[in-house]
Protein backbone atom coordinates (compact mmCIF):
# COMPACT_ATOMS: atom_id res chain seq x y z
CA MET A 1 145.43 112.58 99.12
CA GLY A 2 142.41 113.14 96.96
CA LYS A 3 140.54 112.07 93.89
CA PHE A 4 140.21 114.06 90.70
CA THR A 5 137.44 113.03 88.16
CA PHE A 6 138.34 114.02 84.66
CA ASN A 7 135.01 114.42 82.72
CA LEU A 8 134.75 114.22 78.94
CA PRO A 9 134.76 117.65 77.88
CA ASP A 10 132.77 119.44 75.27
CA ILE A 11 134.96 119.20 72.18
CA GLY A 12 133.06 122.20 70.47
CA GLU A 13 131.37 120.18 67.72
CA GLY A 14 127.91 120.01 69.01
CA ILE A 15 128.03 116.44 69.88
CA ALA A 16 126.42 114.51 72.71
CA GLU A 17 128.80 111.69 72.84
CA ALA A 18 131.99 110.16 71.64
CA GLU A 19 133.40 106.79 71.24
CA ILE A 20 136.54 105.44 73.19
CA VAL A 21 138.80 104.03 70.52
CA ALA A 22 142.27 103.66 72.53
CA TRP A 23 143.33 103.96 76.00
CA HIS A 24 146.88 105.15 76.84
CA VAL A 25 146.65 104.33 80.32
CA LYS A 26 145.29 101.59 82.61
CA VAL A 27 144.31 101.41 86.41
CA GLY A 28 147.36 101.73 88.51
CA ASP A 29 149.43 103.66 86.18
CA ARG A 30 151.26 106.75 87.37
CA ILE A 31 150.90 109.62 84.98
CA GLU A 32 151.85 113.21 84.73
CA GLU A 33 149.96 116.33 83.76
CA ASP A 34 149.47 116.55 79.90
CA ASP A 35 150.15 112.81 79.37
CA LYS A 36 147.63 111.14 76.97
CA VAL A 37 144.99 109.33 78.60
CA ALA A 38 142.73 108.18 75.83
CA ASP A 39 141.67 108.69 72.13
CA VAL A 40 137.89 109.41 71.68
CA MET A 41 136.28 109.65 68.27
CA THR A 42 133.37 111.74 67.21
CA ASP A 43 131.53 112.18 63.92
CA LYS A 44 134.32 114.67 62.92
CA ALA A 45 137.58 113.33 64.09
CA THR A 46 139.61 111.31 66.42
CA VAL A 47 140.76 113.53 69.47
CA GLU A 48 143.65 112.93 72.21
CA MET A 49 142.45 113.63 75.55
CA GLU A 50 145.25 114.69 77.86
CA SER A 51 145.39 114.68 81.71
CA PRO A 52 144.97 117.94 83.40
CA VAL A 53 146.65 116.70 86.68
CA SER A 54 149.59 114.38 87.76
CA GLY A 55 148.69 111.29 89.90
CA VAL A 56 147.64 107.65 89.79
CA VAL A 57 144.88 106.12 87.57
CA VAL A 58 142.19 104.61 89.92
CA SER A 59 139.38 103.89 87.36
CA ILE A 60 138.53 104.48 83.74
CA GLY A 61 135.22 105.31 82.12
CA GLY A 62 134.80 102.31 79.97
CA GLU A 63 136.28 99.89 77.43
CA GLU A 64 137.53 100.53 73.95
CA GLY A 65 134.44 100.72 71.81
CA ASP A 66 132.23 102.07 74.46
CA MET A 67 130.30 105.27 73.92
CA ILE A 68 130.65 107.85 76.57
CA ALA A 69 128.45 110.83 77.05
CA ILE A 70 129.93 114.57 77.26
CA GLY A 71 130.43 115.33 80.80
CA SER A 72 130.77 111.77 82.04
CA ALA A 73 133.82 110.47 84.05
CA LEU A 74 136.46 109.51 81.46
CA VAL A 75 139.21 108.75 84.22
CA VAL A 76 139.37 109.01 88.05
CA ILE A 77 143.05 109.83 89.19
CA GLU A 78 144.33 109.99 92.69
CA VAL A 79 146.41 113.13 93.41
CA GLU A 80 148.56 114.49 96.14
CA GLY A 81 146.90 117.24 98.40
CA GLU A 82 143.76 118.88 97.86
CA VAL A 83 141.59 118.27 94.59
CA GLU A 84 141.42 121.46 92.52
CA GLU A 85 138.37 121.62 90.47
CA ARG A 86 139.37 122.44 86.86
CA PRO A 87 136.79 123.06 84.06
CA GLY A 88 137.66 121.64 80.83
CA ALA A 89 140.64 119.82 79.87
CA ALA A 90 143.76 119.82 77.45
CA VAL A 91 142.60 118.62 74.05
CA SER A 92 145.05 117.85 71.29
CA ALA A 93 144.17 119.71 67.97
CA GLN A 94 145.71 117.08 65.72
CA PRO A 95 143.87 113.84 64.62
CA ALA A 96 145.22 110.95 66.65
CA GLN A 97 145.11 108.32 64.01
CA ALA A 98 144.13 108.17 60.28
CA GLU A 99 140.39 108.11 61.48
CA THR A 100 138.67 111.42 60.71
CA SER A 101 135.94 112.84 59.04
CA LYS A 102 132.43 111.57 58.57
CA ALA A 103 132.84 112.05 55.02
CA ALA A 104 135.67 110.13 54.95
CA ASP A 105 133.83 107.33 56.79
CA GLY A 106 130.90 107.47 54.31
CA ALA A 107 132.82 106.78 51.17
CA LYS A 108 135.23 104.90 52.95
CA ALA A 109 132.43 103.31 54.20
CA GLU A 110 132.93 101.46 50.84
CA ALA A 111 133.63 104.17 48.59
CA ALA A 112 135.75 101.73 46.77
CA ALA A 113 133.60 98.38 47.23
CA PRO A 114 136.42 96.76 49.23
CA LEU A 115 137.78 93.51 48.19
CA PRO A 116 136.27 90.11 50.00
CA PRO A 117 138.65 88.67 52.55
CA PRO A 118 141.12 86.16 51.00
CA ALA A 119 139.91 82.74 50.85
CA PRO A 120 141.77 79.87 52.99
CA VAL A 121 145.09 79.37 51.48
CA PRO A 122 147.05 76.10 51.51
CA ALA A 123 149.90 75.97 53.73
CA ARG A 124 153.45 76.79 52.36
CA VAL A 125 156.67 75.03 53.09
CA PRO A 126 158.96 77.51 54.54
CA VAL A 127 162.08 78.37 52.34
CA ALA A 128 165.45 79.39 53.67
CA ALA A 129 166.08 83.05 53.12
CA PRO A 130 169.22 84.14 50.96
CA ALA A 131 172.30 84.77 52.63
CA HIS A 132 172.63 88.41 51.64
CA GLN A 133 169.30 89.84 51.64
CA THR A 134 168.57 93.34 50.64
CA LYS A 135 165.44 95.44 51.90
CA VAL A 136 162.27 94.38 50.35
CA LEU A 137 160.15 97.15 49.04
CA ALA A 138 156.41 96.41 49.26
CA SER A 139 153.29 98.10 50.71
CA PRO A 140 151.77 97.30 53.98
CA ALA A 141 148.93 95.50 52.09
CA VAL A 142 151.23 93.52 50.03
CA ARG A 143 153.28 92.43 53.12
CA ALA A 144 149.96 91.39 55.03
CA ARG A 145 148.75 89.47 52.13
CA ALA A 146 152.29 87.81 51.65
CA SER A 147 152.19 86.91 55.40
CA GLU A 148 148.83 85.16 54.90
CA LEU A 149 150.08 83.25 52.08
CA ALA A 150 153.19 82.29 53.79
CA ILE A 151 155.38 83.76 51.22
CA ASP A 152 158.86 84.99 51.95
CA LEU A 153 158.97 88.28 49.79
CA ALA A 154 162.72 87.94 49.46
CA HIS A 155 161.98 85.15 46.94
CA VAL A 156 159.28 87.22 44.90
CA LYS A 157 160.88 89.07 41.85
CA PRO A 158 159.14 92.47 41.29
CA ALA A 159 158.20 93.20 37.66
CA GLU A 160 159.17 96.94 37.89
CA ASP A 161 160.58 99.71 40.02
CA GLY A 162 162.15 97.18 42.54
CA ARG A 163 158.85 97.17 44.41
CA ILE A 164 156.70 93.98 44.85
CA ARG A 165 153.09 94.42 43.95
CA HIS A 166 150.04 92.24 44.28
CA ALA A 167 150.46 91.04 40.52
CA ASP A 168 154.11 90.00 41.37
CA LEU A 169 152.46 87.71 44.33
CA ASP A 170 149.93 86.37 41.68
CA ALA A 171 152.81 85.60 39.38
CA PHE A 172 154.79 84.03 42.14
CA LEU A 173 151.78 81.68 43.18
CA SER A 174 151.16 80.60 39.52
CA TYR A 175 154.72 79.88 38.80
CA ASN A 176 155.26 77.87 42.24
CA ALA A 177 151.83 76.35 42.37
CA ALA A 178 153.39 72.87 41.25
CA GLY A 179 156.47 72.67 43.19
CA GLY A 180 157.89 73.65 46.59
CA PHE A 181 154.45 73.74 48.19
CA ARG A 182 152.33 71.28 50.17
CA ALA A 183 148.67 70.83 49.22
CA ALA A 184 147.44 70.37 52.97
CA GLY A 185 145.77 73.39 54.81
CA THR A 186 146.47 74.88 57.87
CA LYS A 187 144.25 75.46 60.83
CA GLY A 188 143.66 79.13 61.51
CA VAL A 189 142.85 80.82 64.83
CA ASP A 190 139.34 81.72 65.73
CA GLN A 191 138.92 85.32 66.56
CA THR A 192 136.33 87.67 67.92
CA VAL A 193 137.03 91.16 66.81
CA LYS A 194 134.99 94.08 68.19
CA VAL A 195 133.81 96.61 65.63
CA MET A 196 134.80 100.11 67.01
CA GLY A 197 136.32 103.30 65.88
CA LEU A 198 136.69 103.82 62.06
CA ARG A 199 135.33 100.43 61.38
CA ARG A 200 132.09 101.10 63.25
CA ARG A 201 131.67 104.46 61.35
CA ILE A 202 132.31 102.66 58.09
CA ALA A 203 129.51 99.87 59.12
CA GLU A 204 127.13 102.42 60.24
CA ASN A 205 127.64 104.69 57.00
CA MET A 206 127.50 101.70 54.61
CA ALA A 207 124.30 100.54 56.30
CA ALA A 208 122.76 104.00 56.04
CA ALA A 209 123.77 104.35 52.34
CA LYS A 210 122.34 101.07 51.39
CA ARG A 211 119.21 101.35 53.51
CA ASN A 212 118.40 104.91 52.20
CA ILE A 213 119.79 105.14 48.73
CA PRO A 214 118.29 103.21 45.81
CA HIS A 215 121.26 102.34 43.97
CA PHE A 216 121.87 101.51 40.35
CA SER A 217 125.12 100.90 38.35
CA TYR A 218 126.13 101.33 34.95
CA VAL A 219 129.50 100.06 33.16
CA GLU A 220 131.11 101.02 29.92
CA GLU A 221 134.22 99.47 28.12
CA CYS A 222 136.80 102.07 26.88
CA ASP A 223 139.70 101.83 24.67
CA VAL A 224 142.54 103.37 26.64
CA THR A 225 145.29 102.46 24.23
CA ALA A 226 145.80 106.18 22.95
CA LEU A 227 145.33 107.37 26.57
CA GLU A 228 148.20 105.19 28.05
CA GLU A 229 150.46 106.02 24.92
CA MET A 230 150.06 109.82 25.68
CA ARG A 231 150.76 109.28 29.31
CA ALA A 232 153.92 107.63 28.59
CA GLN A 233 154.99 110.59 26.36
CA LEU A 234 154.09 113.12 28.97
CA ASN A 235 155.95 111.14 31.65
CA SER A 236 159.06 110.98 29.40
CA ALA A 237 159.33 114.91 29.37
CA ARG A 238 158.14 115.34 33.15
CA GLY A 239 161.33 116.61 34.37
CA SER A 240 161.18 117.15 38.32
CA ARG A 241 157.13 116.95 38.24
CA PRO A 242 155.46 113.97 39.86
CA LYS A 243 154.81 110.73 37.51
CA LEU A 244 151.38 110.78 35.90
CA THR A 245 149.34 107.78 36.79
CA MET A 246 145.99 107.14 34.91
CA LEU A 247 144.16 108.76 37.79
CA PRO A 248 144.79 112.46 36.88
CA LEU A 249 143.88 111.89 33.27
CA LEU A 250 140.56 110.20 34.28
CA ILE A 251 139.96 112.96 36.75
CA THR A 252 140.43 115.51 34.04
CA ALA A 253 137.95 113.62 31.87
CA ILE A 254 135.28 113.45 34.72
CA CYS A 255 135.42 117.20 35.30
CA ARG A 256 135.45 118.29 31.69
CA ALA A 257 132.34 116.20 31.07
CA LEU A 258 130.31 117.19 34.15
CA PRO A 259 129.06 120.72 33.38
CA ASP A 260 126.60 118.99 30.86
CA TYR A 261 125.39 116.62 33.58
CA PRO A 262 125.16 118.81 36.80
CA MET A 263 122.73 116.32 38.49
CA LEU A 264 125.69 114.10 38.92
CA ASN A 265 128.00 116.71 40.95
CA ALA A 266 125.43 116.97 43.60
CA ARG A 267 124.35 116.17 47.09
CA TYR A 268 120.73 115.11 48.29
CA ASP A 269 119.39 116.12 51.47
CA ASP A 270 116.69 113.64 51.79
CA GLU A 271 115.19 114.92 55.03
CA ALA A 272 114.76 118.34 53.69
CA GLY A 273 113.85 117.14 50.21
CA LEU A 274 116.46 119.49 48.53
CA VAL A 275 119.21 118.54 46.02
CA GLN A 276 122.34 120.92 45.89
CA ARG A 277 124.10 121.16 42.62
CA PHE A 278 127.79 122.30 42.61
CA GLY A 279 129.59 124.34 39.84
CA SER A 280 132.97 123.41 41.42
CA VAL A 281 134.08 119.78 41.35
CA HIS A 282 135.37 118.76 44.96
CA LEU A 283 136.51 115.13 44.05
CA GLY A 284 136.65 112.71 47.03
CA MET A 285 139.49 110.09 46.40
CA ALA A 286 139.07 106.65 47.95
CA THR A 287 142.50 105.87 49.76
CA GLN A 288 143.25 102.72 51.29
CA THR A 289 145.21 103.18 54.81
CA GLU A 290 146.11 100.82 57.58
CA GLY A 291 142.92 101.96 59.60
CA GLY A 292 140.60 101.33 56.79
CA LEU A 293 139.36 103.41 53.89
CA MET A 294 139.45 107.14 53.78
CA VAL A 295 138.37 109.67 51.31
CA PRO A 296 140.50 112.78 51.02
CA VAL A 297 139.16 115.60 48.86
CA ILE A 298 140.78 117.35 45.98
CA ARG A 299 139.25 120.85 45.91
CA ASP A 300 138.30 122.50 42.74
CA ALA A 301 139.58 119.68 40.60
CA GLN A 302 138.18 121.18 37.48
CA ASP A 303 140.63 124.04 37.66
CA LYS A 304 143.84 121.86 38.21
CA ASN A 305 145.86 120.77 35.32
CA LEU A 306 147.58 117.27 34.99
CA TRP A 307 150.49 117.85 36.99
CA GLN A 308 148.91 119.80 39.62
CA LEU A 309 146.56 116.85 40.11
CA ALA A 310 149.27 114.31 40.12
CA ALA A 311 150.96 116.29 42.98
CA GLU A 312 147.68 116.61 44.86
CA ILE A 313 146.88 112.98 44.62
CA VAL A 314 150.23 112.05 46.24
CA ARG A 315 149.98 114.71 48.82
CA LEU A 316 146.35 113.83 50.03
CA ALA A 317 146.98 110.03 49.84
CA GLU A 318 150.10 110.31 52.01
CA ALA A 319 148.46 112.54 54.49
CA ALA A 320 145.54 110.05 54.71
CA ARG A 321 147.87 107.07 55.10
CA THR A 322 150.02 108.80 57.98
CA GLY A 323 146.98 110.36 59.71
CA SER A 324 148.05 113.94 59.07
CA ALA A 325 145.13 114.97 57.07
CA LYS A 326 143.06 117.84 58.27
CA SER A 327 139.46 117.52 59.08
CA GLU A 328 138.51 120.09 56.07
CA GLU A 329 140.50 117.77 53.75
CA LEU A 330 138.39 114.82 54.59
CA SER A 331 135.07 116.20 54.27
CA GLY A 332 132.84 118.44 51.65
CA SER A 333 133.21 116.22 48.51
CA THR A 334 130.59 116.52 45.73
CA LEU A 335 131.65 113.48 43.80
CA THR A 336 133.83 110.52 44.55
CA ILE A 337 136.15 108.30 42.38
CA THR A 338 137.41 105.01 43.88
CA SER A 339 139.99 102.82 41.91
CA LEU A 340 141.45 99.57 43.04
CA GLY A 341 144.26 100.13 40.42
CA PRO A 342 145.72 96.62 39.27
CA LEU A 343 143.24 94.83 41.53
CA GLY A 344 140.34 96.73 39.97
CA GLY A 345 138.47 93.66 38.67
CA VAL A 346 136.56 93.56 35.43
CA ALA A 347 133.60 95.72 36.84
CA THR A 348 132.59 97.18 40.21
CA THR A 349 129.57 98.13 42.06
CA PRO A 350 130.85 100.95 44.41
CA VAL A 351 128.52 102.27 47.26
CA ILE A 352 127.62 105.98 47.13
CA ASN A 353 129.21 108.37 49.57
CA ARG A 354 126.13 109.70 51.20
CA PRO A 355 124.87 112.48 50.62
CA GLU A 356 126.55 112.60 47.26
CA VAL A 357 124.55 111.16 44.39
CA ALA A 358 127.04 109.22 42.40
CA ILE A 359 130.44 107.50 42.68
CA ILE A 360 132.68 106.47 39.60
CA GLY A 361 134.99 103.39 39.71
CA PRO A 362 137.59 102.88 36.96
CA ASN A 363 138.63 99.19 36.81
CA ARG A 364 141.84 97.28 35.80
CA ILE A 365 143.16 97.86 32.22
CA VAL A 366 143.45 94.56 30.42
CA GLU A 367 144.94 94.02 26.81
CA ARG A 368 142.42 91.96 24.34
CA PRO A 369 142.30 91.55 20.48
CA MET A 370 139.86 94.08 19.12
CA PHE A 371 138.23 94.78 15.82
CA VAL A 372 139.54 98.29 14.70
CA GLY A 373 138.76 100.18 11.59
CA ASP A 374 136.42 102.57 9.94
CA GLY A 375 133.27 100.21 9.64
CA MET A 376 133.54 100.21 5.90
CA GLY A 377 135.08 96.74 5.39
CA GLY A 378 138.60 97.77 6.45
CA GLU A 379 138.51 96.22 9.86
CA ARG A 380 141.54 94.58 11.37
CA ILE A 381 142.14 92.83 14.62
CA GLU A 382 144.72 94.73 16.90
CA LYS A 383 145.78 94.33 20.44
CA ARG A 384 144.36 97.05 22.55
CA LYS A 385 144.19 98.20 26.18
CA LEU A 386 140.74 98.27 27.38
CA MET A 387 139.25 99.31 30.71
CA ASN A 388 135.69 99.33 32.15
CA ILE A 389 134.35 102.43 33.86
CA SER A 390 131.62 101.95 36.56
CA ILE A 391 129.23 104.38 37.99
CA SER A 392 126.80 103.90 40.75
CA CYS A 393 123.97 106.69 41.18
CA ASP A 394 121.16 107.48 43.52
CA HIS A 395 118.06 106.70 41.43
CA ARG A 396 116.03 109.18 43.33
CA VAL A 397 118.13 112.08 41.77
CA VAL A 398 119.61 110.60 38.65
CA ASP A 399 118.16 108.88 35.89
CA GLY A 400 119.62 105.88 33.95
CA TRP A 401 119.74 107.67 30.80
CA ASP A 402 121.64 110.51 32.34
CA ALA A 403 124.26 108.39 33.98
CA ALA A 404 124.75 106.40 30.64
CA SER A 405 125.21 109.75 28.72
CA TYR A 406 127.56 111.03 31.18
CA ILE A 407 129.77 108.01 31.11
CA GLN A 408 129.61 107.92 27.27
CA ALA A 409 130.84 111.65 27.33
CA VAL A 410 133.72 110.54 29.53
CA LYS A 411 134.44 107.74 27.08
CA ARG A 412 134.88 109.97 24.25
CA LEU A 413 137.28 112.22 26.11
CA ILE A 414 139.37 109.02 27.13
CA GLU A 415 139.50 107.58 23.69
CA VAL A 416 140.46 110.83 22.03
CA PRO A 417 142.72 111.99 24.85
CA VAL A 418 144.13 114.96 22.83
CA LEU A 419 140.71 116.61 23.84
CA LEU A 420 141.97 116.64 27.45
CA LEU A 421 144.52 119.05 26.67
CA ALA A 422 142.29 121.24 24.46
CA ASP A 423 140.99 124.62 25.75
């Protein structure tokens, strides 16, 4: 019998250390050659480490969340026979989880100013499930919120598409607030959660962005009534193409207005004192996943039409959520857009995805009465669909006048949407 020390290999990214984010073995486990040992996270990706030998694990090199230097002992394995020295190790080329890319972490970092945790909620009296319950369609975020609120999703009626959304939970709470629920609270469970992996990267990049970048934000209200009408018309004739959400239309407006404001489509190297402006728009798209916020990148967004943007949005969002996004799909953005959809609130102040210099945040669409007319005394009150657009900028590179002027240009395109389809 002998002992084989499996040292953390050089993963080839010029790094000095990596973080242990998950163990697949424990002391005493019998493992075979090529079995997964641990997941380690670098600034570039989360990588699966595989055992080069078969044997029994006798010690491991740290706890989850610990940093380990390249070349240090990751795991010691008791093997049969003589110990054979083997340089290197088997390393999986695929990301282990939906935790990748330093760029993803940055804007992730908050690219979409995340919502605060829900406030304590009154306990709910459990309700018996229906005798013949069909499968409930809801996202993991909606299921988690319903669980926190002690709501049985089988009793929530979706407003559209048969899928329960946050708005449906809000409506359910409003309707049932006076009956069926107790007012008493419940005692929660005290927890201590170690900040590690992707969440640690988010914390580090968030702190760096706020510490080094003097942010300022600007918010403008836009009338999207005509834009929504055009979107509905396009969807009615889409055939087999993906359904258009508001996002492809907004991205088109963002790209069309950028050539006159090149200072916004840029990255700032504050150490070298250089600003690099880009002719192409590589648009980061903040995406919520179970592991946290990630930012896949739509390459050359300015060259894509509405349907191509819609397809790419769906593809990249799915890749981020399933952890199959490649490293190059999660880095290299020149500008980021972050949207919380129907949860977007009245206005947001998103944090910049360093080293970018700006981030754009469309907010929730609301219907309100509004004066419309020619300004010559013929005004009338109409119900209109309104949406605020927020932008946060690096004040070292972008002046307030430029940011406001750019958003005004985007507003003109949004409020006269036929311009989005003009050559």
